[in-house]
Amino acid sequence: MENVKSTGFQSLKEFYPYYLTEHQNSTSKLLHFIGTGLIFLILIFGLFTAQYQYLWFIPLVGYGFAWVGHFFFEKNKPATFKHPFYSLASDFIMFFDILKGKVKI
């Protein structure tokens, strides 16, 4: 993956290649994938069962899995700290790109 600097992003389209460079480790990508998948399951469960208190687990699960991936496997700081919205959107894009086979774990 090419070296992309982490500053001056004007769009999500510009940010996503940088985001991918911060996710090279397969274990980290797997943890992101699991965390994002669990977010969807918690959301669906909470909404369809009207047990909204479970929705509070979404940020804990999503960030928990991702941050373990960054701190223990990638050994870098999550992009969320500098680019929270682009990073969140990119996490969902990467999740679906993994499902489509565009990003390999």
N, C-alpha and C. Protein backbone atom coordinates (compact mmCIF):
# COMPACT_ATOMS: atom_id res chain seq x y z
N MET A 1 0.86 -1.17 0.00
CA MET A 1 0.00 0.00 0.00
C MET A 1 0.90 1.23 0.00
N GLU A 2 0.56 2.21 -0.79
CA GLU A 2 1.39 3.40 -0.90
C GLU A 2 1.38 4.20 0.40
N ASN A 3 2.43 5.00 0.60
CA ASN A 3 2.54 5.83 1.79
C ASN A 3 1.67 7.07 1.60
N VAL A 4 0.62 7.17 2.39
CA VAL A 4 -0.32 8.29 2.28
C VAL A 4 -0.24 9.07 3.57
N LYS A 5 -0.06 10.38 3.49
CA LYS A 5 0.04 11.22 4.69
C LYS A 5 -1.33 11.36 5.34
N SER A 6 -1.30 11.64 6.66
CA SER A 6 -2.54 11.66 7.43
C SER A 6 -3.11 13.06 7.63
N THR A 7 -2.79 14.00 6.79
CA THR A 7 -3.31 15.36 6.98
C THR A 7 -3.97 15.87 5.71
N GLY A 8 -4.84 16.86 5.88
CA GLY A 8 -5.37 17.59 4.74
C GLY A 8 -6.38 16.85 3.90
N PHE A 9 -7.14 15.94 4.46
CA PHE A 9 -8.13 15.22 3.67
C PHE A 9 -9.32 16.11 3.39
N GLN A 10 -9.73 16.14 2.14
CA GLN A 10 -10.87 16.95 1.72
C GLN A 10 -12.14 16.14 1.56
N SER A 11 -12.01 14.81 1.58
CA SER A 11 -13.18 13.97 1.37
C SER A 11 -12.91 12.58 1.92
N LEU A 12 -13.98 11.83 2.09
CA LEU A 12 -13.86 10.45 2.51
C LEU A 12 -13.13 9.64 1.45
N LYS A 13 -13.35 9.97 0.20
CA LYS A 13 -12.66 9.27 -0.89
C LYS A 13 -11.14 9.45 -0.79
N GLU A 14 -10.69 10.62 -0.37
CA GLU A 14 -9.26 10.85 -0.15
C GLU A 14 -8.76 10.14 1.10
N PHE A 15 -9.60 10.06 2.12
CA PHE A 15 -9.19 9.50 3.41
C PHE A 15 -9.07 7.98 3.39
N TYR A 16 -9.97 7.31 2.69
CA TYR A 16 -10.05 5.85 2.75
C TYR A 16 -8.73 5.15 2.40
N PRO A 17 -8.00 5.56 1.38
CA PRO A 17 -6.70 4.90 1.13
C PRO A 17 -5.74 5.02 2.32
N TYR A 18 -5.73 6.18 2.96
CA TYR A 18 -4.91 6.34 4.17
C TYR A 18 -5.39 5.38 5.25
N TYR A 19 -6.70 5.31 5.44
CA TYR A 19 -7.28 4.41 6.44
C TYR A 19 -6.80 2.98 6.22
N LEU A 20 -6.78 2.54 4.98
CA LEU A 20 -6.33 1.18 4.67
C LEU A 20 -4.86 0.98 5.01
N THR A 21 -4.03 2.02 4.85
CA THR A 21 -2.61 1.88 5.20
C THR A 21 -2.43 1.71 6.71
N GLU A 22 -3.38 2.16 7.48
CA GLU A 22 -3.33 2.03 8.94
C GLU A 22 -3.91 0.68 9.40
N HIS A 23 -4.32 -0.15 8.45
CA HIS A 23 -4.92 -1.45 8.75
C HIS A 23 -4.26 -2.53 7.88
N GLN A 24 -2.99 -2.77 8.12
CA GLN A 24 -2.23 -3.75 7.34
C GLN A 24 -2.25 -5.14 7.98
N ASN A 25 -2.34 -5.19 9.30
CA ASN A 25 -2.27 -6.45 10.04
C ASN A 25 -3.59 -7.22 9.91
N SER A 26 -3.49 -8.49 9.54
CA SER A 26 -4.71 -9.27 9.31
C SER A 26 -5.52 -9.49 10.60
N THR A 27 -4.86 -9.64 11.73
CA THR A 27 -5.58 -9.80 12.99
C THR A 27 -6.34 -8.53 13.34
N SER A 28 -5.71 -7.41 13.11
CA SER A 28 -6.37 -6.12 13.36
C SER A 28 -7.59 -5.96 12.46
N LYS A 29 -7.44 -6.29 11.19
CA LYS A 29 -8.59 -6.20 10.28
C LYS A 29 -9.70 -7.15 10.70
N LEU A 30 -9.33 -8.35 11.14
CA LEU A 30 -10.33 -9.30 11.62
C LEU A 30 -11.06 -8.75 12.85
N LEU A 31 -10.33 -8.16 13.76
CA LEU A 31 -10.96 -7.57 14.95
C LEU A 31 -11.90 -6.43 14.57
N HIS A 32 -11.49 -5.60 13.63
CA HIS A 32 -12.38 -4.54 13.14
C HIS A 32 -13.65 -5.14 12.54
N PHE A 33 -13.46 -6.17 11.74
CA PHE A 33 -14.60 -6.83 11.08
C PHE A 33 -15.56 -7.41 12.11
N ILE A 34 -15.04 -8.10 13.11
CA ILE A 34 -15.88 -8.68 14.16
C ILE A 34 -16.61 -7.58 14.92
N GLY A 35 -15.87 -6.54 15.32
CA GLY A 35 -16.49 -5.44 16.05
C GLY A 35 -17.61 -4.78 15.28
N THR A 36 -17.38 -4.52 14.01
CA THR A 36 -18.41 -3.88 13.17
C THR A 36 -19.59 -4.81 12.97
N GLY A 37 -19.32 -6.09 12.76
CA GLY A 37 -20.41 -7.05 12.64
C GLY A 37 -21.26 -7.11 13.91
N LEU A 38 -20.60 -7.08 15.05
CA LEU A 38 -21.34 -7.08 16.32
C LEU A 38 -22.16 -5.81 16.50
N ILE A 39 -21.65 -4.70 15.99
CA ILE A 39 -22.42 -3.45 16.03
C ILE A 39 -23.76 -3.65 15.32
N PHE A 40 -23.72 -4.23 14.14
CA PHE A 40 -24.96 -4.48 13.40
C PHE A 40 -25.90 -5.41 14.17
N LEU A 41 -25.34 -6.45 14.76
CA LEU A 41 -26.18 -7.39 15.52
C LEU A 41 -26.81 -6.72 16.73
N ILE A 42 -26.03 -5.94 17.46
CA ILE A 42 -26.56 -5.23 18.63
C ILE A 42 -27.65 -4.25 18.20
N LEU A 43 -27.40 -3.53 17.13
CA LEU A 43 -28.38 -2.57 16.63
C LEU A 43 -29.69 -3.26 16.24
N ILE A 44 -29.58 -4.32 15.49
CA ILE A 44 -30.77 -5.05 15.07
C ILE A 44 -31.51 -5.62 16.28
N PHE A 45 -30.77 -6.26 17.18
CA PHE A 45 -31.39 -6.84 18.37
C PHE A 45 -32.07 -5.76 19.22
N GLY A 46 -31.36 -4.68 19.48
CA GLY A 46 -31.92 -3.62 20.31
C GLY A 46 -33.16 -2.99 19.73
N LEU A 47 -33.15 -2.76 18.43
CA LEU A 47 -34.30 -2.12 17.78
C LEU A 47 -35.49 -3.06 17.64
N PHE A 48 -35.23 -4.30 17.22
CA PHE A 48 -36.34 -5.21 16.97
C PHE A 48 -36.96 -5.78 18.23
N THR A 49 -36.21 -5.77 19.32
CA THR A 49 -36.77 -6.26 20.58
C THR A 49 -37.17 -5.11 21.50
N ALA A 50 -36.97 -3.88 21.04
CA ALA A 50 -37.25 -2.67 21.83
C ALA A 50 -36.48 -2.66 23.15
N GLN A 51 -35.32 -3.29 23.15
CA GLN A 51 -34.44 -3.28 24.33
C GLN A 51 -33.31 -2.30 24.04
N TYR A 52 -33.66 -1.04 24.08
CA TYR A 52 -32.77 0.03 23.64
C TYR A 52 -31.54 0.20 24.53
N GLN A 53 -31.61 -0.31 25.75
CA GLN A 53 -30.46 -0.18 26.64
C GLN A 53 -29.22 -0.87 26.07
N TYR A 54 -29.42 -1.86 25.20
CA TYR A 54 -28.28 -2.55 24.60
C TYR A 54 -27.54 -1.69 23.58
N LEU A 55 -28.17 -0.65 23.10
CA LEU A 55 -27.52 0.23 22.12
C LEU A 55 -26.31 0.94 22.72
N TRP A 56 -26.28 1.07 24.05
CA TRP A 56 -25.11 1.68 24.70
C TRP A 56 -23.84 0.85 24.51
N PHE A 57 -24.01 -0.42 24.18
CA PHE A 57 -22.84 -1.28 23.96
C PHE A 57 -22.18 -1.06 22.61
N ILE A 58 -22.87 -0.40 21.71
CA ILE A 58 -22.33 -0.22 20.35
C ILE A 58 -20.95 0.45 20.34
N PRO A 59 -20.77 1.61 20.97
CA PRO A 59 -19.42 2.20 20.93
C PRO A 59 -18.38 1.37 21.69
N LEU A 60 -18.79 0.72 22.76
CA LEU A 60 -17.84 -0.11 23.52
C LEU A 60 -17.34 -1.28 22.69
N VAL A 61 -18.26 -1.94 22.02
CA VAL A 61 -17.89 -3.10 21.20
C VAL A 61 -17.12 -2.65 19.97
N GLY A 62 -17.64 -1.65 19.26
CA GLY A 62 -16.98 -1.20 18.04
C GLY A 62 -15.58 -0.69 18.29
N TYR A 63 -15.44 0.24 19.22
CA TYR A 63 -14.12 0.78 19.50
C TYR A 63 -13.24 -0.22 20.24
N GLY A 64 -13.84 -1.03 21.09
CA GLY A 64 -13.05 -2.00 21.85
C GLY A 64 -12.28 -2.95 20.95
N PHE A 65 -12.98 -3.57 20.02
CA PHE A 65 -12.31 -4.50 19.10
C PHE A 65 -11.28 -3.76 18.23
N ALA A 66 -11.66 -2.59 17.73
CA ALA A 66 -10.75 -1.84 16.85
C ALA A 66 -9.50 -1.41 17.59
N TRP A 67 -9.66 -0.90 18.79
CA TRP A 67 -8.50 -0.39 19.53
C TRP A 67 -7.57 -1.51 19.98
N VAL A 68 -8.10 -2.66 20.30
CA VAL A 68 -7.23 -3.81 20.59
C VAL A 68 -6.40 -4.11 19.35
N GLY A 69 -7.04 -4.07 18.18
CA GLY A 69 -6.31 -4.31 16.94
C GLY A 69 -5.19 -3.31 16.72
N HIS A 70 -5.47 -2.04 16.99
CA HIS A 70 -4.44 -1.02 16.78
C HIS A 70 -3.32 -1.10 17.81
N PHE A 71 -3.67 -1.15 19.07
CA PHE A 71 -2.66 -1.07 20.12
C PHE A 71 -1.80 -2.33 20.23
N PHE A 72 -2.38 -3.50 19.96
CA PHE A 72 -1.64 -4.75 20.16
C PHE A 72 -1.12 -5.38 18.87
N PHE A 73 -1.75 -5.10 17.74
CA PHE A 73 -1.34 -5.76 16.51
C PHE A 73 -0.77 -4.78 15.48
N GLU A 74 -1.47 -3.68 15.22
CA GLU A 74 -0.95 -2.68 14.28
C GLU A 74 0.18 -1.88 14.91
N LYS A 75 0.08 -1.70 16.23
CA LYS A 75 1.04 -0.88 16.99
C LYS A 75 1.04 0.57 16.49
N ASN A 76 -0.18 1.09 16.25
CA ASN A 76 -0.33 2.48 15.85
C ASN A 76 -1.55 3.07 16.57
N LYS A 77 -1.70 4.37 16.44
CA LYS A 77 -2.85 5.03 17.05
C LYS A 77 -4.02 4.98 16.07
N PRO A 78 -5.22 4.70 16.58
CA PRO A 78 -6.38 4.68 15.68
C PRO A 78 -6.59 6.02 15.00
N ALA A 79 -6.98 5.98 13.75
CA ALA A 79 -7.25 7.20 12.98
C ALA A 79 -8.42 7.98 13.58
N THR A 80 -9.21 7.30 14.40
CA THR A 80 -10.36 7.94 15.07
C THR A 80 -9.93 9.16 15.87
N PHE A 81 -8.73 9.15 16.42
CA PHE A 81 -8.29 10.24 17.27
C PHE A 81 -8.13 11.55 16.50
N LYS A 82 -7.71 11.46 15.24
CA LYS A 82 -7.52 12.68 14.44
C LYS A 82 -8.64 12.92 13.43
N HIS A 83 -9.28 11.86 12.99
CA HIS A 83 -10.30 11.96 11.94
C HIS A 83 -11.51 11.09 12.32
N PRO A 84 -12.26 11.49 13.35
CA PRO A 84 -13.32 10.61 13.87
C PRO A 84 -14.41 10.25 12.88
N PHE A 85 -14.89 11.19 12.11
CA PHE A 85 -16.01 10.90 11.20
C PHE A 85 -15.55 10.12 9.98
N TYR A 86 -14.44 10.52 9.39
CA TYR A 86 -13.91 9.77 8.25
C TYR A 86 -13.54 8.34 8.67
N SER A 87 -12.99 8.22 9.87
CA SER A 87 -12.58 6.91 10.36
C SER A 87 -13.78 6.00 10.58
N LEU A 88 -14.82 6.52 11.19
CA LEU A 88 -16.03 5.73 11.42
C LEU A 88 -16.64 5.27 10.09
N ALA A 89 -16.76 6.19 9.16
CA ALA A 89 -17.31 5.84 7.85
C ALA A 89 -16.42 4.81 7.15
N SER A 90 -15.11 4.99 7.25
CA SER A 90 -14.18 4.07 6.60
C SER A 90 -14.25 2.67 7.21
N ASP A 91 -14.53 2.59 8.50
CA ASP A 91 -14.65 1.29 9.13
C ASP A 91 -15.81 0.50 8.52
N PHE A 92 -16.92 1.18 8.28
CA PHE A 92 -18.05 0.51 7.65
C PHE A 92 -17.74 0.16 6.19
N ILE A 93 -17.04 1.05 5.49
CA ILE A 93 -16.65 0.76 4.10
C ILE A 93 -15.74 -0.46 4.07
N MET A 94 -14.75 -0.51 4.98
CA MET A 94 -13.84 -1.65 5.01
C MET A 94 -14.60 -2.94 5.34
N PHE A 95 -15.57 -2.87 6.26
CA PHE A 95 -16.37 -4.04 6.60
C PHE A 95 -17.02 -4.62 5.35
N PHE A 96 -17.67 -3.76 4.57
CA PHE A 96 -18.34 -4.25 3.36
C PHE A 96 -17.35 -4.61 2.26
N ASP A 97 -16.20 -3.94 2.21
CA ASP A 97 -15.16 -4.33 1.24
C ASP A 97 -14.59 -5.71 1.58
N ILE A 98 -14.50 -6.03 2.87
CA ILE A 98 -14.07 -7.37 3.27
C ILE A 98 -15.11 -8.40 2.83
N LEU A 99 -16.39 -8.09 3.07
CA LEU A 99 -17.46 -9.00 2.63
C LEU A 99 -17.43 -9.24 1.13
N LYS A 100 -17.14 -8.19 0.37
CA LYS A 100 -17.11 -8.28 -1.10
C LYS A 100 -15.82 -8.89 -1.62
N GLY A 101 -14.82 -9.06 -0.76
CA GLY A 101 -13.53 -9.58 -1.18
C GLY A 101 -12.58 -8.54 -1.72
N LYS A 102 -12.93 -7.27 -1.62
CA LYS A 102 -12.05 -6.19 -2.10
C LYS A 102 -10.89 -5.95 -1.15
N VAL A 103 -11.10 -6.21 0.14
CA VAL A 103 -10.05 -6.11 1.16
C VAL A 103 -9.88 -7.48 1.76
N LYS A 104 -8.65 -7.95 1.81
CA LYS A 104 -8.35 -9.29 2.34
C LYS A 104 -7.98 -9.18 3.81
N ILE A 105 -8.43 -10.18 4.55
CA ILE A 105 -8.05 -10.26 5.97
C ILE A 105 -6.76 -11.05 6.07
